[in-house]
Amino acid sequence: MTTHFITAEIDLTENPAELPQKVEAELQKRGEPLRWAIAKVDEAAQTAQVEAVVTDK
């Protein structure tokens, strides 16, 4: 098992209540998320930069 630090950009224009599920789904594409945090929000572009630690097999 290997751990990786990754960043992902998430669109914020949809329902904010679904944000955690949206982040988890995006991170699942890259491995199993151990932890994640929103590091930056771009209000003009309506995006959030997520930093995460994921594991892969």
PDB file of N, CA and C in Angstrom:
ATOM      1  N   MET A   1       0.843  -1.173   0.000  1.00  0.00           N
ATOM      2  CA  MET A   1       0.000   0.000   0.000  1.00  0.00           C
ATOM      3  C   MET A   1       0.890   1.238   0.000  1.00  0.00           C
ATOM      4  N   THR A   2       0.552   2.203  -0.861  1.00  0.00           N
ATOM      5  CA  THR A   2       1.305   3.433  -1.003  1.00  0.00           C
ATOM      6  C   THR A   2       0.382   4.619  -0.726  1.00  0.00           C
ATOM      7  N   THR A   3       0.910   5.624  -0.031  1.00  0.00           N
ATOM      8  CA  THR A   3       0.116   6.833   0.213  1.00  0.00           C
ATOM      9  C   THR A   3       0.588   7.943  -0.724  1.00  0.00           C
ATOM     10  N   HIS A   4      -0.342   8.779  -1.129  1.00  0.00           N
ATOM     11  CA  HIS A   4      -0.052   9.891  -2.031  1.00  0.00           C
ATOM     12  C   HIS A   4      -0.751  11.141  -1.520  1.00  0.00           C
ATOM     13  N   PHE A   5      -0.084  12.275  -1.669  1.00  0.00           N
ATOM     14  CA  PHE A   5      -0.699  13.573  -1.399  1.00  0.00           C
ATOM     15  C   PHE A   5      -1.167  14.101  -2.743  1.00  0.00           C
ATOM     16  N   ILE A   6      -2.448  14.425  -2.873  1.00  0.00           N
ATOM     17  CA  ILE A   6      -2.989  14.893  -4.141  1.00  0.00           C
ATOM     18  C   ILE A   6      -3.806  16.158  -3.932  1.00  0.00           C
ATOM     19  N   THR A   7      -4.046  16.847  -5.028  1.00  0.00           N
ATOM     20  CA  THR A   7      -4.960  17.979  -5.024  1.00  0.00           C
ATOM     21  C   THR A   7      -6.015  17.737  -6.101  1.00  0.00           C
ATOM     22  N   ALA A   8      -7.191  18.233  -5.875  1.00  0.00           N
ATOM     23  CA  ALA A   8      -8.284  18.111  -6.838  1.00  0.00           C
ATOM     24  C   ALA A   8      -9.087  19.401  -6.826  1.00  0.00           C
ATOM     25  N   GLU A   9      -9.674  19.722  -7.962  1.00  0.00           N
ATOM     26  CA  GLU A   9     -10.512  20.909  -8.060  1.00  0.00           C
ATOM     27  C   GLU A   9     -11.967  20.465  -8.171  1.00  0.00           C
ATOM     28  N   ILE A  10     -12.809  21.035  -7.323  1.00  0.00           N
ATOM     29  CA  ILE A  10     -14.213  20.654  -7.250  1.00  0.00           C
ATOM     30  C   ILE A  10     -15.080  21.854  -7.623  1.00  0.00           C
ATOM     31  N   ASP A  11     -16.077  21.622  -8.457  1.00  0.00           N
ATOM     32  CA  ASP A  11     -17.030  22.658  -8.871  1.00  0.00           C
ATOM     33  C   ASP A  11     -18.012  22.927  -7.733  1.00  0.00           C
ATOM     34  N   LEU A  12     -18.223  24.187  -7.407  1.00  0.00           N
ATOM     35  CA  LEU A  12     -19.105  24.561  -6.305  1.00  0.00           C
ATOM     36  C   LEU A  12     -20.460  25.096  -6.763  1.00  0.00           C
ATOM     37  N   THR A  13     -20.752  25.036  -8.040  1.00  0.00           N
ATOM     38  CA  THR A  13     -21.984  25.644  -8.543  1.00  0.00           C
ATOM     39  C   THR A  13     -23.219  24.804  -8.259  1.00  0.00           C
ATOM     40  N   GLU A  14     -23.049  23.562  -7.862  1.00  0.00           N
ATOM     41  CA  GLU A  14     -24.193  22.711  -7.574  1.00  0.00           C
ATOM     42  C   GLU A  14     -24.560  22.794  -6.092  1.00  0.00           C
ATOM     43  N   ASN A  15     -25.389  21.896  -5.636  1.00  0.00           N
ATOM     44  CA  ASN A  15     -25.907  21.874  -4.267  1.00  0.00           C
ATOM     45  C   ASN A  15     -24.770  21.753  -3.240  1.00  0.00           C
ATOM     46  N   PRO A  16     -24.584  22.744  -2.356  1.00  0.00           N
ATOM     47  CA  PRO A  16     -23.510  22.683  -1.357  1.00  0.00           C
ATOM     48  C   PRO A  16     -23.661  21.519  -0.380  1.00  0.00           C
ATOM     49  N   ALA A  17     -24.866  21.058  -0.156  1.00  0.00           N
ATOM     50  CA  ALA A  17     -25.075  19.938   0.766  1.00  0.00           C
ATOM     51  C   ALA A  17     -24.453  18.651   0.236  1.00  0.00           C
ATOM     52  N   GLU A  18     -24.229  18.581  -1.063  1.00  0.00           N
ATOM     53  CA  GLU A  18     -23.650  17.383  -1.675  1.00  0.00           C
ATOM     54  C   GLU A  18     -22.130  17.464  -1.806  1.00  0.00           C
ATOM     55  N   LEU A  19     -21.528  18.532  -1.311  1.00  0.00           N
ATOM     56  CA  LEU A  19     -20.083  18.728  -1.460  1.00  0.00           C
ATOM     57  C   LEU A  19     -19.254  17.572  -0.897  1.00  0.00           C
ATOM     58  N   PRO A  20     -19.497  17.091   0.326  1.00  0.00           N
ATOM     59  CA  PRO A  20     -18.678  15.984   0.836  1.00  0.00           C
ATOM     60  C   PRO A  20     -18.751  14.732  -0.051  1.00  0.00           C
ATOM     61  N   GLN A  21     -19.929  14.402  -0.548  1.00  0.00           N
ATOM     62  CA  GLN A  21     -20.062  13.233  -1.415  1.00  0.00           C
ATOM     63  C   GLN A  21     -19.337  13.450  -2.744  1.00  0.00           C
ATOM     64  N   LYS A  22     -19.399  14.669  -3.249  1.00  0.00           N
ATOM     65  CA  LYS A  22     -18.731  15.003  -4.501  1.00  0.00           C
ATOM     66  C   LYS A  22     -17.205  14.884  -4.351  1.00  0.00           C
ATOM     67  N   VAL A  23     -16.677  15.383  -3.239  1.00  0.00           N
ATOM     68  CA  VAL A  23     -15.243  15.298  -2.977  1.00  0.00           C
ATOM     69  C   VAL A  23     -14.822  13.836  -2.853  1.00  0.00           C
ATOM     70  N   GLU A  24     -15.550  13.061  -2.069  1.00  0.00           N
ATOM     71  CA  GLU A  24     -15.223  11.642  -1.887  1.00  0.00           C
ATOM     72  C   GLU A  24     -15.232  10.892  -3.217  1.00  0.00           C
ATOM     73  N   ALA A  25     -16.216  11.175  -4.066  1.00  0.00           N
ATOM     74  CA  ALA A  25     -16.304  10.502  -5.366  1.00  0.00           C
ATOM     75  C   ALA A  25     -15.098  10.842  -6.241  1.00  0.00           C
ATOM     76  N   GLU A  26     -14.681  12.096  -6.236  1.00  0.00           N
ATOM     77  CA  GLU A  26     -13.519  12.499  -7.032  1.00  0.00           C
ATOM     78  C   GLU A  26     -12.248  11.843  -6.500  1.00  0.00           C
ATOM     79  N   LEU A  27     -12.100  11.780  -5.182  1.00  0.00           N
ATOM     80  CA  LEU A  27     -10.902  11.187  -4.596  1.00  0.00           C
ATOM     81  C   LEU A  27     -10.859   9.675  -4.803  1.00  0.00           C
ATOM     82  N   GLN A  28     -12.000   9.022  -4.825  1.00  0.00           N
ATOM     83  CA  GLN A  28     -12.063   7.577  -5.046  1.00  0.00           C
ATOM     84  C   GLN A  28     -11.463   7.194  -6.402  1.00  0.00           C
ATOM     85  N   LYS A  29     -11.490   8.110  -7.354  1.00  0.00           N
ATOM     86  CA  LYS A  29     -10.906   7.854  -8.675  1.00  0.00           C
ATOM     87  C   LYS A  29      -9.392   7.681  -8.589  1.00  0.00           C
ATOM     88  N   ARG A  30      -8.807   8.209  -7.524  1.00  0.00           N
ATOM     89  CA  ARG A  30      -7.341   8.222  -7.385  1.00  0.00           C
ATOM     90  C   ARG A  30      -6.827   7.310  -6.291  1.00  0.00           C
ATOM     91  N   GLY A  31      -7.722   6.713  -5.522  1.00  0.00           N
ATOM     92  CA  GLY A  31      -7.329   5.822  -4.438  1.00  0.00           C
ATOM     93  C   GLY A  31      -8.338   5.897  -3.308  1.00  0.00           C
ATOM     94  N   GLU A  32      -7.984   5.322  -2.180  1.00  0.00           N
ATOM     95  CA  GLU A  32      -8.855   5.325  -1.005  1.00  0.00           C
ATOM     96  C   GLU A  32      -8.487   6.532  -0.135  1.00  0.00           C
ATOM     97  N   PRO A  33      -9.394   7.502   0.018  1.00  0.00           N
ATOM     98  CA  PRO A  33      -9.067   8.698   0.803  1.00  0.00           C
ATOM     99  C   PRO A  33      -8.883   8.387   2.287  1.00  0.00           C
ATOM    100  N   LEU A  34      -7.800   8.887   2.851  1.00  0.00           N
ATOM    101  CA  LEU A  34      -7.568   8.781   4.296  1.00  0.00           C
ATOM    102  C   LEU A  34      -8.056  10.045   4.994  1.00  0.00           C
ATOM    103  N   ARG A  35      -7.754  11.190   4.373  1.00  0.00           N
ATOM    104  CA  ARG A  35      -8.217  12.467   4.903  1.00  0.00           C
ATOM    105  C   ARG A  35      -8.209  13.467   3.772  1.00  0.00           C
ATOM    106  N   TRP A  36      -9.035  14.500   3.904  1.00  0.00           N
ATOM    107  CA  TRP A  36      -9.038  15.571   2.913  1.00  0.00           C
ATOM    108  C   TRP A  36      -9.493  16.858   3.566  1.00  0.00           C
ATOM    109  N   ALA A  37      -9.129  17.975   2.932  1.00  0.00           N
ATOM    110  CA  ALA A  37      -9.515  19.298   3.433  1.00  0.00           C
ATOM    111  C   ALA A  37      -9.628  20.257   2.262  1.00  0.00           C
ATOM    112  N   ILE A  38     -10.545  21.188   2.371  1.00  0.00           N
ATOM    113  CA  ILE A  38     -10.645  22.254   1.379  1.00  0.00           C
ATOM    114  C   ILE A  38      -9.577  23.281   1.730  1.00  0.00           C
ATOM    115  N   ALA A  39      -8.638  23.480   0.817  1.00  0.00           N
ATOM    116  CA  ALA A  39      -7.505  24.358   1.076  1.00  0.00           C
ATOM    117  C   ALA A  39      -7.704  25.762   0.533  1.00  0.00           C
ATOM    118  N   LYS A  40      -8.529  25.897  -0.529  1.00  0.00           N
ATOM    119  CA  LYS A  40      -8.688  27.197  -1.163  1.00  0.00           C
ATOM    120  C   LYS A  40     -10.021  27.226  -1.895  1.00  0.00           C
ATOM    121  N   VAL A  41     -10.681  28.363  -1.868  1.00  0.00           N
ATOM    122  CA  VAL A  41     -11.924  28.558  -2.609  1.00  0.00           C
ATOM    123  C   VAL A  41     -11.734  29.742  -3.545  1.00  0.00           C
ATOM    124  N   ASP A  42     -12.034  29.531  -4.820  1.00  0.00           N
ATOM    125  CA  ASP A  42     -11.994  30.594  -5.821  1.00  0.00           C
ATOM    126  C   ASP A  42     -13.432  31.030  -6.066  1.00  0.00           C
ATOM    127  N   GLU A  43     -13.818  32.140  -5.453  1.00  0.00           N
ATOM    128  CA  GLU A  43     -15.211  32.596  -5.551  1.00  0.00           C
ATOM    129  C   GLU A  43     -15.582  32.995  -6.970  1.00  0.00           C
ATOM    130  N   ALA A  44     -14.656  33.579  -7.708  1.00  0.00           N
ATOM    131  CA  ALA A  44     -14.951  34.015  -9.073  1.00  0.00           C
ATOM    132  C   ALA A  44     -15.225  32.815  -9.986  1.00  0.00           C
ATOM    133  N   ALA A  45     -14.423  31.765  -9.852  1.00  0.00           N
ATOM    134  CA  ALA A  45     -14.584  30.574 -10.694  1.00  0.00           C
ATOM    135  C   ALA A  45     -15.552  29.557 -10.088  1.00  0.00           C
ATOM    136  N   GLN A  46     -15.965  29.783  -8.833  1.00  0.00           N
ATOM    137  CA  GLN A  46     -16.849  28.851  -8.122  1.00  0.00           C
ATOM    138  C   GLN A  46     -16.254  27.441  -8.044  1.00  0.00           C
ATOM    139  N   THR A  47     -14.972  27.369  -7.645  1.00  0.00           N
ATOM    140  CA  THR A  47     -14.296  26.086  -7.465  1.00  0.00           C
ATOM    141  C   THR A  47     -13.604  26.048  -6.113  1.00  0.00           C
ATOM    142  N   ALA A  48     -13.362  24.839  -5.648  1.00  0.00           N
ATOM    143  CA  ALA A  48     -12.619  24.636  -4.402  1.00  0.00           C
ATOM    144  C   ALA A  48     -11.442  23.724  -4.689  1.00  0.00           C
ATOM    145  N   GLN A  49     -10.293  24.038  -4.113  1.00  0.00           N
ATOM    146  CA  GLN A  49      -9.131  23.176  -4.229  1.00  0.00           C
ATOM    147  C   GLN A  49      -9.098  22.298  -2.990  1.00  0.00           C
ATOM    148  N   VAL A  50      -9.080  20.997  -3.213  1.00  0.00           N
ATOM    149  CA  VAL A  50      -9.073  20.021  -2.137  1.00  0.00           C
ATOM    150  C   VAL A  50      -7.699  19.370  -2.075  1.00  0.00           C
ATOM    151  N   GLU A  51      -7.121  19.288  -0.890  1.00  0.00           N
ATOM    152  CA  GLU A  51      -5.877  18.557  -0.667  1.00  0.00           C
ATOM    153  C   GLU A  51      -6.233  17.292   0.093  1.00  0.00           C
ATOM    154  N   ALA A  52      -5.622  16.174  -0.314  1.00  0.00           N
ATOM    155  CA  ALA A  52      -5.991  14.899   0.278  1.00  0.00           C
ATOM    156  C   ALA A  52      -4.812  13.947   0.352  1.00  0.00           C
ATOM    157  N   VAL A  53      -4.931  13.000   1.245  1.00  0.00           N
ATOM    158  CA  VAL A  53      -4.005  11.872   1.316  1.00  0.00           C
ATOM    159  C   VAL A  53      -4.825  10.637   0.951  1.00  0.00           C
ATOM    160  N   VAL A  54      -4.356   9.904  -0.073  1.00  0.00           N
ATOM    161  CA  VAL A  54      -5.052   8.695  -0.511  1.00  0.00           C
ATOM    162  C   VAL A  54      -4.067   7.534  -0.526  1.00  0.00           C
ATOM    163  N   THR A  55      -4.604   6.334  -0.451  1.00  0.00           N
ATOM    164  CA  THR A  55      -3.774   5.134  -0.573  1.00  0.00           C
ATOM    165  C   THR A  55      -4.192   4.359  -1.811  1.00  0.00           C
ATOM    166  N   ASP A  56      -3.224   3.637  -2.374  1.00  0.00           N
ATOM    167  CA  ASP A  56      -3.539   2.724  -3.463  1.00  0.00           C
ATOM    168  C   ASP A  56      -2.883   1.386  -3.194  1.00  0.00           C
ATOM    169  N   LYS A  57      -3.310   0.408  -3.930  1.00  0.00           N
ATOM    170  CA  LYS A  57      -2.779  -0.954  -3.712  1.00  0.00           C
ATOM    171  C   LYS A  57      -1.648  -1.257  -4.639  1.00  0.00           C
TER     172      LYS A  57
END
